[in-house]
Amino acid sequence: MQLIPCPHCGPRAETEFLYGRVAEAAAPAVSADLQSELQRIFVRSNPKGLQRELWQHIAGCRAWIVVTRHTVTHEITGSETLRKEPA
């Protein structure tokens, strides 16, 4: 079992989290046609290496976090809170 370091709760089992999406993925355009929407959902790049992903800690603090994970080894190299505190 893999541990995901929640910035709020500390290391927790991956079963406590729900995968959201790649953090840098663009939001869909409001006027997107069906073909471009199908492309966005089903035809995505799958690069090897580090990737920033959105995960929600559903069995804990319920916060959305950004997890940096290697797509080949699944090693998690870090995490941070999604919401930045005001300066």
C-alpha atoms as a PDB file:
ATOM      1  CA  MET A   1       0.000   0.000   0.000  1.00  0.00           C
ATOM      2  CA  GLN A   2       1.219   3.447  -0.889  1.00  0.00           C
ATOM      3  CA  LEU A   3       1.309   6.377   1.528  1.00  0.00           C
ATOM      4  CA  ILE A   4       0.282   9.826   0.330  1.00  0.00           C
ATOM      5  CA  PRO A   5       1.617  12.707   2.447  1.00  0.00           C
ATOM      6  CA  CYS A   6      -1.380  14.935   3.197  1.00  0.00           C
ATOM      7  CA  PRO A   7      -0.099  18.440   4.071  1.00  0.00           C
ATOM      8  CA  HIS A   8      -2.833  18.677   6.730  1.00  0.00           C
ATOM      9  CA  CYS A   9      -3.008  15.162   8.215  1.00  0.00           C
ATOM     10  CA  GLY A  10       0.410  13.647   7.510  1.00  0.00           C
ATOM     11  CA  PRO A  11       1.101  10.371   5.647  1.00  0.00           C
ATOM     12  CA  ARG A  12      -2.075   8.387   4.963  1.00  0.00           C
ATOM     13  CA  ALA A  13      -2.962   5.265   2.963  1.00  0.00           C
ATOM     14  CA  GLU A  14      -3.839   5.832  -0.680  1.00  0.00           C
ATOM     15  CA  THR A  15      -7.255   4.254  -0.030  1.00  0.00           C
ATOM     16  CA  GLU A  16      -8.195   7.447   1.862  1.00  0.00           C
ATOM     17  CA  PHE A  17      -7.797   9.534  -1.305  1.00  0.00           C
ATOM     18  CA  LEU A  18      -9.706  10.030  -4.534  1.00  0.00           C
ATOM     19  CA  TYR A  19      -7.802  10.845  -7.729  1.00  0.00           C
ATOM     20  CA  GLY A  20      -9.080  13.964  -9.476  1.00  0.00           C
ATOM     21  CA  ARG A  21      -7.037  14.771 -12.573  1.00  0.00           C
ATOM     22  CA  VAL A  22      -3.703  16.080 -13.794  1.00  0.00           C
ATOM     23  CA  ALA A  23      -3.136  19.425 -12.066  1.00  0.00           C
ATOM     24  CA  GLU A  24      -2.182  21.272 -15.265  1.00  0.00           C
ATOM     25  CA  ALA A  25      -5.142  20.013 -17.300  1.00  0.00           C
ATOM     26  CA  ALA A  26      -7.051  22.849 -18.892  1.00  0.00           C
ATOM     27  CA  ALA A  27     -10.694  23.366 -18.051  1.00  0.00           C
ATOM     28  CA  PRO A  28     -13.037  22.630 -20.952  1.00  0.00           C
ATOM     29  CA  ALA A  29     -14.244  25.532 -23.044  1.00  0.00           C
ATOM     30  CA  VAL A  30     -17.902  26.366 -22.615  1.00  0.00           C
ATOM     31  CA  SER A  31     -18.516  26.310 -26.344  1.00  0.00           C
ATOM     32  CA  ALA A  32     -16.626  23.072 -27.048  1.00  0.00           C
ATOM     33  CA  ASP A  33     -18.196  20.880 -29.692  1.00  0.00           C
ATOM     34  CA  LEU A  34     -18.767  17.166 -29.178  1.00  0.00           C
ATOM     35  CA  GLN A  35     -15.672  16.047 -31.118  1.00  0.00           C
ATOM     36  CA  SER A  36     -13.276  18.269 -29.144  1.00  0.00           C
ATOM     37  CA  GLU A  37     -14.927  17.197 -25.882  1.00  0.00           C
ATOM     38  CA  LEU A  38     -14.438  13.516 -26.794  1.00  0.00           C
ATOM     39  CA  GLN A  39     -10.790  14.246 -27.665  1.00  0.00           C
ATOM     40  CA  ARG A  40     -10.256  15.978 -24.305  1.00  0.00           C
ATOM     41  CA  ILE A  41     -11.767  13.103 -22.323  1.00  0.00           C
ATOM     42  CA  PHE A  42     -10.448  10.045 -24.159  1.00  0.00           C
ATOM     43  CA  VAL A  43      -7.308  11.078 -26.077  1.00  0.00           C
ATOM     44  CA  ARG A  44      -4.821  12.402 -23.573  1.00  0.00           C
ATOM     45  CA  SER A  45      -1.060  12.280 -23.406  1.00  0.00           C
ATOM     46  CA  ASN A  46       0.450   9.876 -20.906  1.00  0.00           C
ATOM     47  CA  PRO A  47       4.033  11.083 -20.452  1.00  0.00           C
ATOM     48  CA  LYS A  48       6.580   9.153 -18.420  1.00  0.00           C
ATOM     49  CA  GLY A  49       8.085  10.990 -15.483  1.00  0.00           C
ATOM     50  CA  LEU A  50       6.952  13.341 -12.746  1.00  0.00           C
ATOM     51  CA  GLN A  51       3.403  14.581 -12.945  1.00  0.00           C
ATOM     52  CA  ARG A  52       1.428  16.938 -10.694  1.00  0.00           C
ATOM     53  CA  GLU A  53      -2.021  15.529  -9.890  1.00  0.00           C
ATOM     54  CA  LEU A  54      -5.064  16.653  -7.926  1.00  0.00           C
ATOM     55  CA  TRP A  55      -6.202  14.284  -5.169  1.00  0.00           C
ATOM     56  CA  GLN A  56      -8.914  14.706  -2.518  1.00  0.00           C
ATOM     57  CA  HIS A  57      -8.457  13.349   1.002  1.00  0.00           C
ATOM     58  CA  ILE A  58     -11.988  11.936   1.202  1.00  0.00           C
ATOM     59  CA  ALA A  59     -11.485   9.891   4.390  1.00  0.00           C
ATOM     60  CA  GLY A  60      -9.711  12.652   6.271  1.00  0.00           C
ATOM     61  CA  CYS A  61      -9.643  16.430   6.041  1.00  0.00           C
ATOM     62  CA  ARG A  62     -11.546  16.416   2.681  1.00  0.00           C
ATOM     63  CA  ALA A  63      -9.041  18.900   1.255  1.00  0.00           C
ATOM     64  CA  TRP A  64      -7.870  18.870  -2.350  1.00  0.00           C
ATOM     65  CA  ILE A  65      -4.091  18.534  -2.583  1.00  0.00           C
ATOM     66  CA  VAL A  66      -1.512  18.568  -5.369  1.00  0.00           C
ATOM     67  CA  VAL A  67       0.579  15.379  -5.366  1.00  0.00           C
ATOM     68  CA  THR A  68       3.778  15.057  -7.396  1.00  0.00           C
ATOM     69  CA  ARG A  69       3.985  11.426  -8.569  1.00  0.00           C
ATOM     70  CA  HIS A  70       6.245   9.555 -10.987  1.00  0.00           C
ATOM     71  CA  THR A  71       4.015   7.892 -13.594  1.00  0.00           C
ATOM     72  CA  VAL A  72       6.265   4.846 -14.050  1.00  0.00           C
ATOM     73  CA  THR A  73       7.393   4.018 -10.511  1.00  0.00           C
ATOM     74  CA  HIS A  74       4.398   5.617  -8.718  1.00  0.00           C
ATOM     75  CA  GLU A  75       6.866   7.167  -6.265  1.00  0.00           C
ATOM     76  CA  ILE A  76       5.409  10.256  -4.614  1.00  0.00           C
ATOM     77  CA  THR A  77       7.997  12.985  -4.248  1.00  0.00           C
ATOM     78  CA  GLY A  78       5.848  15.602  -2.548  1.00  0.00           C
ATOM     79  CA  SER A  79       2.483  17.180  -1.936  1.00  0.00           C
ATOM     80  CA  GLU A  80       1.103  20.614  -1.224  1.00  0.00           C
ATOM     81  CA  THR A  81      -2.229  22.152  -0.422  1.00  0.00           C
ATOM     82  CA  LEU A  82      -4.244  23.262  -3.412  1.00  0.00           C
ATOM     83  CA  ARG A  83      -5.588  26.388  -1.751  1.00  0.00           C
ATOM     84  CA  LYS A  84      -2.964  29.021  -1.123  1.00  0.00           C
ATOM     85  CA  GLU A  85      -3.409  31.160   1.977  1.00  0.00           C
ATOM     86  CA  PRO A  86      -3.713  34.903   1.327  1.00  0.00           C
ATOM     87  CA  ALA A  87      -0.489  36.849   1.857  1.00  0.00           C
END
